[in-house]
Amino acid sequence: MQEGLITAGMSFGNYQIEQVLGQGGMGTVYLAKDTGLNRKVALKILRSDLGEDIAFAKKFLEEVEVTASLAHPNIIRVFTLGEQGGRLYLVMEHLDEPSLEHRMEKQAKVPEKDVLEVGLGIASALQFAHEETGLIHRDIKPGNILFGRGNIPKLADFGLAAGARSALGQQDEIWGTPYYVSPERLLREPEDIRSDIYSLGATLYHAIAGRPPFEADTAEEVAKRHVSDRPPPLRSFCPDAQEQTVFTIDKCLGKKPDSRWPSYAELISQLADSLRRLST
């Protein structure tokens, strides 16, 4: 089965394709109907070459099995996974609300309160996943943060980026412009939860400032700046942001892992403090 032949009305497994929801480095996400349970789902069909890679397929199945066990209000639920015609696919809960990336395109600058609430929700999801399974996400970005009912932020693609990089030798060209990538990943150094903290900080910076921490004409230049430069002061783009918020996000973006928040518990405490100060 070729990627170009997947169209609306087709059946893929027990799921009937309705429309494209989005595309990324690993594949395409479709809105689909679960014909067995009569519900809408998000169906992620991976690129055909990924299904042909035996090492990736094995790693993918292992990672998804782990992530499917994660039951947390800020993590998108994984229902099942499968294979058809050599194509791997993943079935997830479908959310009607747009992603953080979409909101940023519409709003330019996301209100500070909303940014803090996103940070709290995603940090809680990352903490839970790491404590339960030892997983780190490795691909935190606005496009992987969606919203459920009640404006609850939910993290997508847990474990998928990890599996792909492990199997495919960390080919960063798969992931596009590295606006949110930690310096240690770019330097091929070991990663831990502080790498996800960096990427979350870069995401929150972009949301509140209206631009990513580093901009350049090429992905290579953006990557170099992550390794060598400090981002422009957040207050230069949002002068009304409270000091606690600026301090919390800035510490997420330390060049060395030791200079960032050492745990999710501390990051969550700081974000919660920022939200309390904003409320009062």
C-alpha atoms as a PDB file:
ATOM      1  CA  MET A   1       0.000   0.000   0.000  1.00  0.00           C
ATOM      2  CA  GLN A   2       1.414   3.388  -0.966  1.00  0.00           C
ATOM      3  CA  GLU A   3       1.012   6.530   1.124  1.00  0.00           C
ATOM      4  CA  GLY A   4      -0.641   8.425  -1.708  1.00  0.00           C
ATOM      5  CA  LEU A   5      -3.436   5.841  -1.935  1.00  0.00           C
ATOM      6  CA  ILE A   6      -4.793   6.489   1.558  1.00  0.00           C
ATOM      7  CA  THR A   7      -7.888   8.594   0.915  1.00  0.00           C
ATOM      8  CA  ALA A   8     -11.209   9.483   2.518  1.00  0.00           C
ATOM      9  CA  GLY A   9     -13.610   6.552   2.590  1.00  0.00           C
ATOM     10  CA  MET A  10     -10.895   3.902   2.724  1.00  0.00           C
ATOM     11  CA  SER A  11     -10.892   1.297   5.447  1.00  0.00           C
ATOM     12  CA  PHE A  12      -7.683   0.780   7.351  1.00  0.00           C
ATOM     13  CA  GLY A  13      -8.033  -2.085   9.741  1.00  0.00           C
ATOM     14  CA  ASN A  14     -11.394  -1.567  11.476  1.00  0.00           C
ATOM     15  CA  TYR A  15     -11.230   2.175  10.861  1.00  0.00           C
ATOM     16  CA  GLN A  16     -12.755   4.197   8.050  1.00  0.00           C
ATOM     17  CA  ILE A  17     -10.702   7.226   6.965  1.00  0.00           C
ATOM     18  CA  GLU A  18     -12.596  10.537   6.937  1.00  0.00           C
ATOM     19  CA  GLN A  19     -10.023  13.308   6.543  1.00  0.00           C
ATOM     20  CA  VAL A  20      -6.439  14.351   7.191  1.00  0.00           C
ATOM     21  CA  LEU A  21      -5.864  16.035  10.557  1.00  0.00           C
ATOM     22  CA  GLY A  22      -2.149  16.706  10.212  1.00  0.00           C
ATOM     23  CA  GLN A  23       1.203  15.513   8.935  1.00  0.00           C
ATOM     24  CA  GLY A  24       4.557  15.131  10.630  1.00  0.00           C
ATOM     25  CA  GLY A  25       7.945  13.545  10.254  1.00  0.00           C
ATOM     26  CA  MET A  26       6.720  10.068  11.179  1.00  0.00           C
ATOM     27  CA  GLY A  27       3.509   9.944   9.186  1.00  0.00           C
ATOM     28  CA  THR A  28      -0.003  11.297   8.775  1.00  0.00           C
ATOM     29  CA  VAL A  29      -2.829  11.586  11.310  1.00  0.00           C
ATOM     30  CA  TYR A  30      -6.366  11.040  10.060  1.00  0.00           C
ATOM     31  CA  LEU A  31      -9.785  11.512  11.557  1.00  0.00           C
ATOM     32  CA  ALA A  32     -11.381   8.079  11.312  1.00  0.00           C
ATOM     33  CA  LYS A  33     -14.461   6.212  12.434  1.00  0.00           C
ATOM     34  CA  ASP A  34     -14.096   3.119  14.583  1.00  0.00           C
ATOM     35  CA  THR A  35     -16.657   0.940  12.835  1.00  0.00           C
ATOM     36  CA  GLY A  36     -16.808  -1.520  15.706  1.00  0.00           C
ATOM     37  CA  LEU A  37     -17.499   0.947  18.513  1.00  0.00           C
ATOM     38  CA  ASN A  38     -19.035   3.717  16.382  1.00  0.00           C
ATOM     39  CA  ARG A  39     -16.765   6.499  17.642  1.00  0.00           C
ATOM     40  CA  LYS A  40     -14.342   9.019  16.189  1.00  0.00           C
ATOM     41  CA  VAL A  41     -10.631   8.311  16.646  1.00  0.00           C
ATOM     42  CA  ALA A  42      -7.322   9.780  15.560  1.00  0.00           C
ATOM     43  CA  LEU A  43      -5.536   7.278  13.323  1.00  0.00           C
ATOM     44  CA  LYS A  44      -1.799   7.810  12.912  1.00  0.00           C
ATOM     45  CA  ILE A  45      -0.423   5.899   9.918  1.00  0.00           C
ATOM     46  CA  LEU A  46       3.344   5.798   9.889  1.00  0.00           C
ATOM     47  CA  ARG A  47       5.497   6.325   6.831  1.00  0.00           C
ATOM     48  CA  SER A  48       5.846   3.182   4.734  1.00  0.00           C
ATOM     49  CA  ASP A  49       9.635   3.078   5.112  1.00  0.00           C
ATOM     50  CA  LEU A  50       9.311   2.952   8.901  1.00  0.00           C
ATOM     51  CA  GLY A  51       7.200  -0.192   8.693  1.00  0.00           C
ATOM     52  CA  GLU A  52       9.852  -1.782   6.478  1.00  0.00           C
ATOM     53  CA  ASP A  53      12.568  -1.169   9.083  1.00  0.00           C
ATOM     54  CA  ILE A  54      12.538  -4.260  11.308  1.00  0.00           C
ATOM     55  CA  ALA A  55      14.470  -2.544  14.122  1.00  0.00           C
ATOM     56  CA  PHE A  56      12.067   0.372  14.146  1.00  0.00           C
ATOM     57  CA  ALA A  57       8.967  -1.833  14.003  1.00  0.00           C
ATOM     58  CA  LYS A  58      10.166  -3.826  17.004  1.00  0.00           C
ATOM     59  CA  LYS A  59      11.022  -0.700  18.996  1.00  0.00           C
ATOM     60  CA  PHE A  60       7.768   0.973  17.982  1.00  0.00           C
ATOM     61  CA  LEU A  61       5.668  -1.949  19.203  1.00  0.00           C
ATOM     62  CA  GLU A  62       7.565  -2.057  22.503  1.00  0.00           C
ATOM     63  CA  GLU A  63       7.201   1.681  23.121  1.00  0.00           C
ATOM     64  CA  VAL A  64       3.511   1.806  22.213  1.00  0.00           C
ATOM     65  CA  GLU A  65       2.762  -1.130  24.487  1.00  0.00           C
ATOM     66  CA  VAL A  66       4.271   0.856  27.346  1.00  0.00           C
ATOM     67  CA  THR A  67       2.612   4.154  26.472  1.00  0.00           C
ATOM     68  CA  ALA A  68      -0.801   2.511  26.077  1.00  0.00           C
ATOM     69  CA  SER A  69      -0.646   1.741  29.791  1.00  0.00           C
ATOM     70  CA  LEU A  70      -0.313   5.416  30.724  1.00  0.00           C
ATOM     71  CA  ALA A  71      -3.610   6.641  32.163  1.00  0.00           C
ATOM     72  CA  HIS A  72      -3.255  10.332  32.991  1.00  0.00           C
ATOM     73  CA  PRO A  73      -5.580  13.292  32.292  1.00  0.00           C
ATOM     74  CA  ASN A  74      -2.799  15.157  30.463  1.00  0.00           C
ATOM     75  CA  ILE A  75      -1.721  12.276  28.193  1.00  0.00           C
ATOM     76  CA  ILE A  76      -3.649  11.371  25.039  1.00  0.00           C
ATOM     77  CA  ARG A  77      -5.033   7.855  25.360  1.00  0.00           C
ATOM     78  CA  VAL A  78      -3.703   5.164  23.046  1.00  0.00           C
ATOM     79  CA  PHE A  79      -6.379   2.593  22.187  1.00  0.00           C
ATOM     80  CA  THR A  80      -4.539   0.109  20.017  1.00  0.00           C
ATOM     81  CA  LEU A  81      -1.915  -0.387  17.330  1.00  0.00           C
ATOM     82  CA  GLY A  82      -1.721  -2.535  14.274  1.00  0.00           C
ATOM     83  CA  GLU A  83      -0.298  -3.223  10.842  1.00  0.00           C
ATOM     84  CA  GLN A  84      -1.916  -3.382   7.436  1.00  0.00           C
ATOM     85  CA  GLY A  85      -0.177  -3.867   4.124  1.00  0.00           C
ATOM     86  CA  GLY A  86       3.180  -3.299   5.763  1.00  0.00           C
ATOM     87  CA  ARG A  87       2.055   0.002   7.304  1.00  0.00           C
ATOM     88  CA  LEU A  88       2.135   0.470  11.068  1.00  0.00           C
ATOM     89  CA  TYR A  89      -0.699   2.470  12.570  1.00  0.00           C
ATOM     90  CA  LEU A  90      -1.693   3.796  15.971  1.00  0.00           C
ATOM     91  CA  VAL A  91      -5.242   4.499  17.168  1.00  0.00           C
ATOM     92  CA  MET A  92      -5.682   7.309  19.712  1.00  0.00           C
ATOM     93  CA  GLU A  93      -8.451   9.347  21.254  1.00  0.00           C
ATOM     94  CA  HIS A  94      -9.614  12.185  19.026  1.00  0.00           C
ATOM     95  CA  LEU A  95      -9.761  15.702  20.460  1.00  0.00           C
ATOM     96  CA  ASP A  96     -11.911  18.383  18.826  1.00  0.00           C
ATOM     97  CA  GLU A  97      -9.824  21.288  20.096  1.00  0.00           C
ATOM     98  CA  PRO A  98      -6.804  22.504  18.072  1.00  0.00           C
ATOM     99  CA  SER A  99      -3.202  22.046  19.138  1.00  0.00           C
ATOM    100  CA  LEU A 100      -1.100  24.629  20.956  1.00  0.00           C
ATOM    101  CA  GLU A 101       0.683  25.189  17.649  1.00  0.00           C
ATOM    102  CA  HIS A 102      -2.629  26.110  16.033  1.00  0.00           C
ATOM    103  CA  ARG A 103      -3.481  28.465  18.879  1.00  0.00           C
ATOM    104  CA  MET A 104      -0.098  30.145  18.552  1.00  0.00           C
ATOM    105  CA  GLU A 105      -0.689  30.680  14.840  1.00  0.00           C
ATOM    106  CA  LYS A 106      -4.042  32.312  15.595  1.00  0.00           C
ATOM    107  CA  GLN A 107      -3.107  34.320  18.703  1.00  0.00           C
ATOM    108  CA  ALA A 108       0.595  35.073  18.107  1.00  0.00           C
ATOM    109  CA  LYS A 109       1.116  35.444  21.866  1.00  0.00           C
ATOM    110  CA  VAL A 110      -0.750  33.109  24.200  1.00  0.00           C
ATOM    111  CA  PRO A 111      -1.892  34.726  27.493  1.00  0.00           C
ATOM    112  CA  GLU A 112       0.441  34.120  30.434  1.00  0.00           C
ATOM    113  CA  LYS A 113      -2.221  32.292  32.455  1.00  0.00           C
ATOM    114  CA  ASP A 114      -2.866  29.847  29.610  1.00  0.00           C
ATOM    115  CA  VAL A 115       0.864  29.262  29.123  1.00  0.00           C
ATOM    116  CA  LEU A 116       1.320  28.449  32.802  1.00  0.00           C
ATOM    117  CA  GLU A 117      -1.630  26.054  32.767  1.00  0.00           C
ATOM    118  CA  VAL A 118      -0.174  24.279  29.735  1.00  0.00           C
ATOM    119  CA  GLY A 119       3.197  24.062  31.470  1.00  0.00           C
ATOM    120  CA  LEU A 120       1.640  22.590  34.606  1.00  0.00           C
ATOM    121  CA  GLY A 121      -0.385  20.006  32.707  1.00  0.00           C
ATOM    122  CA  ILE A 122       2.445  18.840  30.469  1.00  0.00           C
ATOM    123  CA  ALA A 123       4.997  18.769  33.296  1.00  0.00           C
ATOM    124  CA  SER A 124       2.562  16.622  35.301  1.00  0.00           C
ATOM    125  CA  ALA A 125       2.162  14.259  32.347  1.00  0.00           C
ATOM    126  CA  LEU A 126       5.932  13.966  31.925  1.00  0.00           C
ATOM    127  CA  GLN A 127       6.436  13.355  35.638  1.00  0.00           C
ATOM    128  CA  PHE A 128       3.797  10.622  35.702  1.00  0.00           C
ATOM    129  CA  ALA A 129       5.144   8.846  32.609  1.00  0.00           C
ATOM    130  CA  HIS A 130       8.708   8.908  33.864  1.00  0.00           C
ATOM    131  CA  GLU A 131       7.790   7.655  37.326  1.00  0.00           C
ATOM    132  CA  GLU A 132       5.569   4.888  35.917  1.00  0.00           C
ATOM    133  CA  THR A 133       7.680   3.682  33.004  1.00  0.00           C
ATOM    134  CA  GLY A 134      11.014   5.516  32.958  1.00  0.00           C
ATOM    135  CA  LEU A 135      10.134   7.036  29.573  1.00  0.00           C
ATOM    136  CA  ILE A 136      11.222  10.450  28.407  1.00  0.00           C
ATOM    137  CA  HIS A 137       9.306  12.042  25.546  1.00  0.00           C
ATOM    138  CA  ARG A 138      12.050  13.559  23.339  1.00  0.00           C
ATOM    139  CA  ASP A 139       9.705  15.459  21.032  1.00  0.00           C
ATOM    140  CA  ILE A 140       7.906  18.089  23.092  1.00  0.00           C
ATOM    141  CA  LYS A 141       6.678  20.867  20.833  1.00  0.00           C
ATOM    142  CA  PRO A 142       3.481  22.903  20.346  1.00  0.00           C
ATOM    143  CA  GLY A 143       2.190  20.489  17.703  1.00  0.00           C
ATOM    144  CA  ASN A 144       2.273  17.617  20.208  1.00  0.00           C
ATOM    145  CA  ILE A 145       0.201  19.488  22.805  1.00  0.00           C
ATOM    146  CA  LEU A 146      -3.534  19.261  22.180  1.00  0.00           C
ATOM    147  CA  PHE A 147      -6.559  20.224  24.253  1.00  0.00           C
ATOM    148  CA  GLY A 148      -9.456  18.214  25.618  1.00  0.00           C
ATOM    149  CA  ARG A 149     -12.731  19.336  27.133  1.00  0.00           C
ATOM    150  CA  GLY A 150     -12.352  22.067  29.698  1.00  0.00           C
ATOM    151  CA  ASN A 151      -9.220  23.343  27.942  1.00  0.00           C
ATOM    152  CA  ILE A 152      -7.126  20.538  29.468  1.00  0.00           C
ATOM    153  CA  PRO A 153      -3.726  20.227  27.744  1.00  0.00           C
ATOM    154  CA  LYS A 154      -2.840  16.717  26.584  1.00  0.00           C
ATOM    155  CA  LEU A 155       0.508  15.415  25.393  1.00  0.00           C
ATOM    156  CA  ALA A 156       0.670  13.259  22.261  1.00  0.00           C
ATOM    157  CA  ASP A 157       3.228  10.896  20.719  1.00  0.00           C
ATOM    158  CA  PHE A 158       4.701   9.597  23.967  1.00  0.00           C
ATOM    159  CA  GLY A 159       7.513   7.164  23.237  1.00  0.00           C
ATOM    160  CA  LEU A 160       7.175   7.337  19.460  1.00  0.00           C
ATOM    161  CA  ALA A 161      10.018   9.780  18.930  1.00  0.00           C
ATOM    162  CA  ALA A 162      12.201   7.764  21.276  1.00  0.00           C
ATOM    163  CA  GLY A 163      11.556   4.587  19.346  1.00  0.00           C
ATOM    164  CA  ALA A 164      12.189   6.184  15.989  1.00  0.00           C
ATOM    165  CA  ARG A 165      15.460   7.797  16.972  1.00  0.00           C
ATOM    166  CA  SER A 166      16.729   4.633  18.581  1.00  0.00           C
ATOM    167  CA  ALA A 167      15.954   2.558  15.522  1.00  0.00           C
ATOM    168  CA  LEU A 168      16.956   5.047  12.851  1.00  0.00           C
ATOM    169  CA  GLY A 169      20.175   6.369  14.341  1.00  0.00           C
ATOM    170  CA  GLN A 170      18.830   9.761  15.478  1.00  0.00           C
ATOM    171  CA  GLN A 171      18.319  11.162  11.992  1.00  0.00           C
ATOM    172  CA  ASP A 172      17.282  14.641  13.048  1.00  0.00           C
ATOM    173  CA  GLU A 173      16.203  15.629   9.556  1.00  0.00           C
ATOM    174  CA  ILE A 174      13.015  13.632  10.254  1.00  0.00           C
ATOM    175  CA  TRP A 175      11.921  16.155  12.849  1.00  0.00           C
ATOM    176  CA  GLY A 176      12.220  19.441  10.955  1.00  0.00           C
ATOM    177  CA  THR A 177      13.506  22.735  12.332  1.00  0.00           C
ATOM    178  CA  PRO A 178      14.825  22.143  15.866  1.00  0.00           C
ATOM    179  CA  TYR A 179      13.127  25.077  17.610  1.00  0.00           C
ATOM    180  CA  TYR A 180      12.632  23.076  20.805  1.00  0.00           C
ATOM    181  CA  VAL A 181      15.544  20.612  20.818  1.00  0.00           C
ATOM    182  CA  SER A 182      17.903  20.374  23.795  1.00  0.00           C
ATOM    183  CA  PRO A 183      21.620  21.077  23.297  1.00  0.00           C
ATOM    184  CA  GLU A 184      22.583  17.591  24.454  1.00  0.00           C
ATOM    185  CA  ARG A 185      20.466  15.901  21.794  1.00  0.00           C
ATOM    186  CA  LEU A 186      22.055  18.081  19.123  1.00  0.00           C
ATOM    187  CA  LEU A 187      25.483  17.147  20.494  1.00  0.00           C
ATOM    188  CA  ARG A 188      24.521  13.429  20.615  1.00  0.00           C
ATOM    189  CA  GLU A 189      25.027  13.389  24.376  1.00  0.00           C
ATOM    190  CA  PRO A 190      22.945  11.379  26.879  1.00  0.00           C
ATOM    191  CA  GLU A 191      19.429  12.684  27.523  1.00  0.00           C
ATOM    192  CA  ASP A 192      17.270  12.527  30.636  1.00  0.00           C
ATOM    193  CA  ILE A 193      14.221  14.309  32.007  1.00  0.00           C
ATOM    194  CA  ARG A 194      16.082  17.620  31.912  1.00  0.00           C
ATOM    195  CA  SER A 195      16.120  17.374  28.116  1.00  0.00           C
ATOM    196  CA  ASP A 196      12.318  17.287  28.133  1.00  0.00           C
ATOM    197  CA  ILE A 197      12.335  20.170  30.615  1.00  0.00           C
ATOM    198  CA  TYR A 198      14.421  22.182  28.119  1.00  0.00           C
ATOM    199  CA  SER A 199      12.006  21.415  25.265  1.00  0.00           C
ATOM    200  CA  LEU A 200       9.003  22.297  27.421  1.00  0.00           C
ATOM    201  CA  GLY A 201      10.693  25.563  28.392  1.00  0.00           C
ATOM    202  CA  ALA A 202      11.343  26.377  24.730  1.00  0.00           C
ATOM    203  CA  THR A 203       7.705  25.630  23.927  1.00  0.00           C
ATOM    204  CA  LEU A 204       6.412  27.872  26.732  1.00  0.00           C
ATOM    205  CA  TYR A 205       8.856  30.613  25.711  1.00  0.00           C
ATOM    206  CA  HIS A 206       7.531  30.523  22.146  1.00  0.00           C
ATOM    207  CA  ALA A 207       3.912  30.540  23.297  1.00  0.00           C
ATOM    208  CA  ILE A 208       4.246  33.568  25.559  1.00  0.00           C
ATOM    209  CA  ALA A 209       6.804  35.521  23.477  1.00  0.00           C
ATOM    210  CA  GLY A 210       5.244  34.920  20.092  1.00  0.00           C
ATOM    211  CA  ARG A 211       8.526  33.591  18.696  1.00  0.00           C
ATOM    212  CA  PRO A 212      10.846  30.671  19.486  1.00  0.00           C
ATOM    213  CA  PRO A 213      13.936  31.145  21.661  1.00  0.00           C
ATOM    214  CA  PHE A 214      16.151  31.056  18.572  1.00  0.00           C
ATOM    215  CA  GLU A 215      15.461  32.050  14.993  1.00  0.00           C
ATOM    216  CA  ALA A 216      17.721  31.738  11.956  1.00  0.00           C
ATOM    217  CA  ASP A 217      17.558  31.192   8.201  1.00  0.00           C
ATOM    218  CA  THR A 218      18.377  27.474   8.390  1.00  0.00           C
ATOM    219  CA  ALA A 219      17.750  24.557  10.746  1.00  0.00           C
ATOM    220  CA  GLU A 220      21.528  24.205  11.148  1.00  0.00           C
ATOM    221  CA  GLU A 221      21.849  27.768  12.411  1.00  0.00           C
ATOM    222  CA  VAL A 222      18.947  27.309  14.835  1.00  0.00           C
ATOM    223  CA  ALA A 223      20.647  24.172  16.164  1.00  0.00           C
ATOM    224  CA  LYS A 224      23.970  25.974  16.624  1.00  0.00           C
ATOM    225  CA  ARG A 225      22.272  28.726  18.596  1.00  0.00           C
ATOM    226  CA  HIS A 226      20.667  26.195  20.935  1.00  0.00           C
ATOM    227  CA  VAL A 227      24.143  24.892  21.712  1.00  0.00           C
ATOM    228  CA  SER A 228      26.013  28.192  22.063  1.00  0.00           C
ATOM    229  CA  ASP A 229      23.632  31.117  22.735  1.00  0.00           C
ATOM    230  CA  ARG A 230      21.249  32.263  25.408  1.00  0.00           C
ATOM    231  CA  PRO A 231      17.774  33.214  24.137  1.00  0.00           C
ATOM    232  CA  PRO A 232      16.794  36.904  24.131  1.00  0.00           C
ATOM    233  CA  PRO A 233      15.319  37.998  27.467  1.00  0.00           C
ATOM    234  CA  LEU A 234      11.673  36.985  27.639  1.00  0.00           C
ATOM    235  CA  ARG A 235      10.723  40.422  28.945  1.00  0.00           C
ATOM    236  CA  SER A 236      11.924  41.996  25.681  1.00  0.00           C
ATOM    237  CA  PHE A 237       8.909  40.375  23.971  1.00  0.00           C
ATOM    238  CA  CYS A 238       6.401  40.341  26.830  1.00  0.00           C
ATOM    239  CA  PRO A 239       7.308  43.154  29.244  1.00  0.00           C
ATOM    240  CA  ASP A 240       4.214  42.535  31.371  1.00  0.00           C
ATOM    241  CA  ALA A 241       5.126  38.930  32.207  1.00  0.00           C
ATOM    242  CA  GLN A 242       5.645  38.514  35.934  1.00  0.00           C
ATOM    243  CA  GLU A 243       9.136  37.933  37.237  1.00  0.00           C
ATOM    244  CA  GLN A 244       8.383  34.450  38.579  1.00  0.00           C
ATOM    245  CA  THR A 245       7.184  33.268  35.163  1.00  0.00           C
ATOM    246  CA  VAL A 246      10.259  34.669  33.426  1.00  0.00           C
ATOM    247  CA  PHE A 247      12.566  33.069  36.013  1.00  0.00           C
ATOM    248  CA  THR A 248      10.883  29.663  35.742  1.00  0.00           C
ATOM    249  CA  ILE A 249      11.018  29.484  31.943  1.00  0.00           C
ATOM    250  CA  ASP A 250      14.541  30.896  31.805  1.00  0.00           C
ATOM    251  CA  LYS A 251      15.852  28.194  34.127  1.00  0.00           C
ATOM    252  CA  CYS A 252      14.293  25.512  31.913  1.00  0.00           C
ATOM    253  CA  LEU A 253      16.508  26.784  29.089  1.00  0.00           C
ATOM    254  CA  GLY A 254      19.883  26.413  30.799  1.00  0.00           C
ATOM    255  CA  LYS A 255      22.570  25.255  28.354  1.00  0.00           C
ATOM    256  CA  LYS A 256      23.764  22.466  30.634  1.00  0.00           C
ATOM    257  CA  PRO A 257      21.318  19.999  32.186  1.00  0.00           C
ATOM    258  CA  ASP A 258      22.708  20.789  35.655  1.00  0.00           C
ATOM    259  CA  SER A 259      21.617  24.410  35.280  1.00  0.00           C
ATOM    260  CA  ARG A 260      17.944  23.511  34.701  1.00  0.00           C
ATOM    261  CA  TRP A 261      15.241  22.437  37.131  1.00  0.00           C
ATOM    262  CA  PRO A 262      16.484  19.093  38.450  1.00  0.00           C
ATOM    263  CA  SER A 263      13.055  17.464  38.752  1.00  0.00           C
ATOM    264  CA  TYR A 264       9.483  17.789  37.569  1.00  0.00           C
ATOM    265  CA  ALA A 265       8.379  18.293  41.155  1.00  0.00           C
ATOM    266  CA  GLU A 266      10.432  21.484  41.407  1.00  0.00           C
ATOM    267  CA  LEU A 267       9.310  22.729  37.989  1.00  0.00           C
ATOM    268  CA  ILE A 268       5.669  22.068  38.846  1.00  0.00           C
ATOM    269  CA  SER A 269       6.079  23.894  42.151  1.00  0.00           C
ATOM    270  CA  GLN A 270       7.525  26.939  40.378  1.00  0.00           C
ATOM    271  CA  LEU A 271       4.840  26.988  37.687  1.00  0.00           C
ATOM    272  CA  ALA A 272       2.112  26.646  40.320  1.00  0.00           C
ATOM    273  CA  ASP A 273       3.653  29.530  42.271  1.00  0.00           C
ATOM    274  CA  SER A 274       3.664  31.658  39.115  1.00  0.00           C
ATOM    275  CA  LEU A 275      -0.006  30.878  38.517  1.00  0.00           C
ATOM    276  CA  ARG A 276      -0.919  31.726  42.115  1.00  0.00           C
ATOM    277  CA  ARG A 277       0.896  35.062  41.918  1.00  0.00           C
ATOM    278  CA  LEU A 278      -0.852  35.853  38.648  1.00  0.00           C
ATOM    279  CA  SER A 279      -4.230  35.035  40.174  1.00  0.00           C
ATOM    280  CA  THR A 280      -3.668  37.328  43.139  1.00  0.00           C
END
